[in-house]
Amino acid sequence: MILKKFFLVLITILVSNSIFAQEFDFSKYALALSKITTYADNLGYMEAVDINNIKEEEDILWNEGNSGYIYTESISSIDLFAYKILDKKENKLIVHVFQDPKGTTVNSYIFELLIYNDHLILDNIIEGGDRCQSSVVMDEIEIKDKVLSYSSYITPYKLMSWFGQEDLDYKFADCMYCCIGFANYTYSFETNKKEFENILIIEEYLDDDSIIKKTYDKFVKSRDLKLSLRLDSNELKEFINYTKKKL
């Protein structure tokens, strides 16, 4: 299911062949951004890149899709690299980046970046990861009144350990393909504040024999819901506590 989701997203991006052009020319930093993205899960290794030290690859064609993403399929060892600038204030940028290397990894992040003296600096990872490990859902990103709304994938383990119970990993799956829904957030461009909104559990992502599915069935029955279940913080606590009692 997660692979199907990413495939649909790629189709959405690859809809235009127009050469990249916009008011702020970020293209000279784009290769640096791809390197930061590659090592984003290994903080401390490559959080700043000097663009003067990057060997320019030949024949990189930057295209712009009609959704505003700039993308290329020309970087060696990466099948698809795409980014979209969500907000810019002086030398600070908020950027969503999607990277599908040659292999199994599929990264999707929202970064806070700084540009300083030809250096691209990763200042903060607002959200993101590899596939079901918190990767940002590309088609769930929205901006209204300087507030960014976005979603990231969650696993059964992340759901059940949401409030810090780290001893549950042996009971709940946490693999790259074990998505069961989204965590939904907002991020204010003005205050740089991130707020948790709710969890969306999707029925078709659940294993029919899982204990989470049994709890899901109980909750949706009382709410006359069928396809998904949305839980705020208090409801999520209730969901987790009920599931634990059934272990």
Protein backbone atom coordinates (compact mmCIF):
# COMPACT_ATOMS: atom_id res chain seq x y z
CA MET A 1 0.00 0.00 0.00
CA ILE A 2 2.83 2.41 0.85
CA LEU A 3 4.51 1.68 -2.50
CA LYS A 4 1.24 2.40 -4.31
CA LYS A 5 0.99 5.72 -2.46
CA PHE A 6 4.51 6.77 -3.49
CA PHE A 7 3.88 5.69 -7.09
CA LEU A 8 0.81 7.92 -7.31
CA VAL A 9 2.80 10.82 -5.88
CA LEU A 10 5.52 10.39 -8.50
CA ILE A 11 2.93 10.45 -11.27
CA THR A 12 1.64 13.74 -9.86
CA ILE A 13 5.11 15.31 -9.92
CA LEU A 14 6.22 14.13 -13.33
CA VAL A 15 3.65 16.03 -15.35
CA SER A 16 5.68 18.84 -16.89
CA ASN A 17 8.92 19.24 -18.81
CA SER A 18 9.39 23.00 -18.41
CA ILE A 19 12.86 24.14 -17.42
CA PHE A 20 13.14 25.38 -13.82
CA ALA A 21 12.70 29.12 -13.38
CA GLN A 22 11.47 31.08 -10.37
CA GLU A 23 12.19 34.36 -8.60
CA PHE A 24 14.71 32.88 -6.16
CA ASP A 25 17.30 30.75 -7.96
CA PHE A 26 17.88 27.84 -5.61
CA SER A 27 19.20 25.59 -8.36
CA LYS A 28 22.87 26.06 -7.45
CA TYR A 29 22.10 24.71 -3.97
CA ALA A 30 19.98 21.79 -5.16
CA LEU A 31 22.82 19.26 -5.39
CA ALA A 32 23.90 20.24 -1.88
CA LEU A 33 20.34 19.62 -0.73
CA SER A 34 20.40 16.12 -2.23
CA LYS A 35 23.54 15.33 -0.23
CA ILE A 36 22.01 16.67 2.98
CA THR A 37 18.93 14.55 2.33
CA THR A 38 20.99 11.40 1.77
CA TYR A 39 22.55 11.68 5.23
CA ALA A 40 19.67 13.30 7.12
CA ASP A 41 19.20 10.22 9.31
CA ASN A 42 22.87 10.41 10.34
CA LEU A 43 22.95 13.83 11.98
CA GLY A 44 26.40 15.27 12.46
CA TYR A 45 27.84 13.76 9.28
CA MET A 46 26.69 16.21 6.62
CA GLU A 47 24.62 19.04 8.05
CA ALA A 48 26.41 21.74 6.05
CA VAL A 49 27.59 21.61 2.45
CA ASP A 50 29.86 24.12 0.68
CA ILE A 51 28.51 24.37 -2.86
CA ASN A 52 32.00 25.30 -4.08
CA ASN A 53 33.22 21.82 -3.11
CA ILE A 54 30.54 19.99 -5.07
CA LYS A 55 31.55 18.69 -8.45
CA GLU A 56 28.85 19.76 -10.86
CA GLU A 57 27.35 16.78 -12.62
CA GLU A 58 26.90 17.11 -16.34
CA ASP A 59 23.55 17.22 -18.08
CA ILE A 60 21.36 17.66 -15.01
CA LEU A 61 17.99 18.84 -16.25
CA TRP A 62 15.83 20.54 -13.64
CA ASN A 63 12.12 20.44 -14.46
CA GLU A 64 9.13 22.02 -12.79
CA GLY A 65 5.89 20.13 -12.25
CA ASN A 66 2.55 21.91 -12.11
CA SER A 67 2.40 21.31 -8.35
CA GLY A 68 5.42 23.58 -7.88
CA TYR A 69 8.02 20.88 -7.29
CA ILE A 70 11.39 21.16 -8.99
CA TYR A 71 12.69 17.72 -9.91
CA THR A 72 15.36 15.83 -11.78
CA GLU A 73 16.06 12.26 -12.76
CA SER A 74 19.64 13.07 -13.77
CA ILE A 75 21.61 12.82 -10.51
CA SER A 76 23.81 9.74 -10.39
CA SER A 77 22.69 7.08 -7.86
CA ILE A 78 19.28 8.83 -7.42
CA ASP A 79 16.25 7.85 -9.51
CA LEU A 80 14.24 10.93 -8.59
CA PHE A 81 15.06 14.03 -6.55
CA ALA A 82 12.39 16.70 -6.02
CA TYR A 83 12.01 19.74 -3.80
CA LYS A 84 9.64 22.61 -3.19
CA ILE A 85 10.37 25.82 -1.30
CA LEU A 86 7.48 26.26 1.12
CA ASP A 87 8.64 29.50 2.76
CA LYS A 88 11.59 31.89 2.51
CA LYS A 89 12.61 34.61 4.93
CA GLU A 90 15.96 36.30 4.29
CA ASN A 91 18.53 33.45 4.34
CA LYS A 92 16.19 30.92 5.93
CA LEU A 93 14.09 28.48 3.91
CA ILE A 94 11.51 25.82 4.69
CA VAL A 95 11.74 23.13 2.02
CA HIS A 96 10.00 19.85 1.33
CA VAL A 97 12.30 17.33 -0.32
CA PHE A 98 11.53 13.94 -1.85
CA GLN A 99 14.37 11.61 -2.78
CA ASP A 100 14.12 8.14 -4.30
CA PRO A 101 17.64 6.70 -4.57
CA LYS A 102 18.55 3.59 -6.49
CA GLY A 103 17.60 0.98 -3.89
CA THR A 104 14.87 0.53 -1.30
CA THR A 105 15.07 3.87 0.51
CA VAL A 106 12.48 6.57 -0.22
CA ASN A 107 13.08 9.75 1.78
CA SER A 108 10.61 12.58 2.31
CA TYR A 109 11.48 15.46 4.65
CA ILE A 110 10.53 18.99 5.59
CA PHE A 111 13.77 20.84 6.34
CA GLU A 112 14.57 24.21 7.81
CA LEU A 113 17.65 25.39 5.91
CA LEU A 114 20.04 28.31 6.14
CA ILE A 115 22.14 29.78 3.35
CA TYR A 116 25.37 31.41 4.50
CA ASN A 117 28.51 32.21 2.49
CA ASP A 118 27.80 29.60 -0.20
CA HIS A 119 27.00 27.00 2.45
CA LEU A 120 23.67 25.20 2.63
CA ILE A 121 23.06 24.33 6.27
CA LEU A 122 20.50 21.94 7.74
CA ASP A 123 19.23 23.90 10.72
CA ASN A 124 16.31 21.68 11.70
CA ILE A 125 14.40 18.61 10.55
CA ILE A 126 10.80 19.63 11.05
CA GLU A 127 9.56 16.19 10.02
CA GLY A 128 10.55 13.29 7.83
CA GLY A 129 12.19 9.96 7.31
CA ASP A 130 12.29 6.86 5.14
CA ARG A 131 8.91 5.46 4.02
CA CYS A 132 6.82 4.41 7.04
CA GLN A 133 9.49 5.80 9.38
CA SER A 134 7.90 9.26 9.60
CA SER A 135 8.29 10.23 5.95
CA VAL A 136 6.21 13.25 4.93
CA VAL A 137 3.14 12.53 2.79
CA MET A 138 3.71 14.68 -0.28
CA ASP A 139 0.09 15.22 -1.30
CA GLU A 140 -1.00 16.15 2.24
CA ILE A 141 1.06 19.38 2.36
CA GLU A 142 -0.99 22.59 2.48
CA ILE A 143 -0.24 26.22 3.34
CA LYS A 144 -2.81 28.73 4.54
CA ASP A 145 -2.25 32.05 6.32
CA LYS A 146 1.46 31.31 6.89
CA VAL A 147 0.63 27.99 8.56
CA LEU A 148 1.88 24.74 7.07
CA SER A 149 -0.28 21.64 7.47
CA TYR A 150 1.34 18.29 6.78
CA SER A 151 1.23 14.59 7.59
CA SER A 152 3.81 11.87 8.21
CA TYR A 153 3.46 8.11 8.11
CA ILE A 154 3.25 6.11 11.33
CA THR A 155 3.84 2.45 12.18
CA PRO A 156 2.03 0.36 14.82
CA TYR A 157 5.02 0.81 17.12
CA LYS A 158 5.07 4.58 16.72
CA LEU A 159 1.34 4.72 17.42
CA MET A 160 1.58 2.61 20.56
CA SER A 161 4.70 4.39 21.87
CA TRP A 162 3.37 7.88 21.09
CA PHE A 163 3.52 8.98 24.73
CA GLY A 164 6.92 7.49 25.45
CA GLN A 165 6.40 3.81 26.23
CA GLU A 166 9.56 2.53 24.60
CA ASP A 167 9.20 -1.08 25.85
CA LEU A 168 6.60 -2.08 23.26
CA ASP A 169 8.82 -2.73 20.25
CA TYR A 170 8.65 -6.51 20.56
CA LYS A 171 4.85 -6.48 20.31
CA PHE A 172 4.28 -3.98 17.49
CA ALA A 173 5.75 -3.75 14.00
CA ASP A 174 8.06 -0.86 13.12
CA CYS A 175 9.22 -1.78 9.61
CA MET A 176 9.59 0.44 6.55
CA TYR A 177 6.43 -1.04 5.00
CA CYS A 178 4.26 -1.18 8.14
CA CYS A 179 2.31 2.06 7.70
CA ILE A 180 -1.08 2.17 9.40
CA GLY A 181 -1.90 5.84 8.93
CA PHE A 182 -0.69 9.42 9.37
CA ALA A 183 0.24 11.81 12.14
CA ASN A 184 -1.07 15.28 11.27
CA TYR A 185 0.68 18.50 12.29
CA THR A 186 0.76 22.23 11.74
CA TYR A 187 3.85 24.44 11.61
CA SER A 188 3.73 28.23 11.84
CA PHE A 189 6.16 30.05 9.57
CA GLU A 190 5.89 33.11 11.81
CA THR A 191 6.54 31.46 15.20
CA ASN A 192 8.44 28.35 14.01
CA LYS A 193 6.14 26.35 16.29
CA LYS A 194 5.11 22.80 15.49
CA GLU A 195 1.76 21.53 16.80
CA PHE A 196 0.38 18.00 16.83
CA GLU A 197 -3.19 17.87 15.52
CA ASN A 198 -4.31 14.26 15.39
CA ILE A 199 -3.63 10.71 14.26
CA LEU A 200 -5.46 9.22 11.29
CA ILE A 201 -5.62 5.41 11.31
CA ILE A 202 -6.63 3.92 7.96
CA GLU A 203 -8.51 0.62 7.97
CA GLU A 204 -7.09 -0.80 4.74
CA TYR A 205 -3.55 -0.42 6.17
CA LEU A 206 -4.33 -2.61 9.20
CA ASP A 207 -3.65 -6.32 9.56
CA ASP A 208 -7.05 -7.97 10.07
CA ASP A 209 -5.71 -10.18 12.87
CA SER A 210 -3.83 -7.46 14.75
CA ILE A 211 -4.79 -6.23 18.19
CA ILE A 212 -4.78 -2.65 16.86
CA LYS A 213 -7.42 -3.66 14.30
CA LYS A 214 -9.59 -5.05 17.10
CA THR A 215 -9.34 -1.76 19.00
CA TYR A 216 -10.01 0.12 15.77
CA ASP A 217 -13.18 -1.91 15.19
CA LYS A 218 -14.44 -1.05 18.68
CA PHE A 219 -13.82 2.67 18.23
CA VAL A 220 -15.32 2.99 14.75
CA LYS A 221 -18.39 0.99 15.76
CA SER A 222 -19.25 3.51 18.46
CA ARG A 223 -18.72 6.40 16.01
CA ASP A 224 -20.43 4.97 12.93
CA LEU A 225 -17.21 5.21 10.90
CA LYS A 226 -15.91 2.79 8.28
CA LEU A 227 -12.74 3.67 6.39
CA SER A 228 -10.62 5.62 8.88
CA LEU A 229 -10.42 6.84 12.45
CA ARG A 230 -9.13 10.27 13.52
CA LEU A 231 -7.91 10.64 17.11
CA ASP A 232 -6.87 13.79 18.96
CA SER A 233 -4.41 13.57 21.84
CA ASN A 234 -6.95 12.55 24.49
CA GLU A 235 -8.66 10.04 22.22
CA LEU A 236 -5.29 8.60 21.27
CA LYS A 237 -4.48 7.97 24.93
CA GLU A 238 -7.78 6.14 25.29
CA PHE A 239 -7.07 4.07 22.17
CA ILE A 240 -3.58 3.10 23.37
CA ASN A 241 -4.69 2.26 26.90
CA TYR A 242 -7.54 0.08 25.63
CA THR A 243 -5.16 -1.78 23.31
CA LYS A 244 -2.63 -2.37 26.10
CA LYS A 245 -5.28 -3.98 28.26
CA LYS A 246 -5.82 -6.57 25.52
CA LEU A 247 -2.15 -7.60 25.34
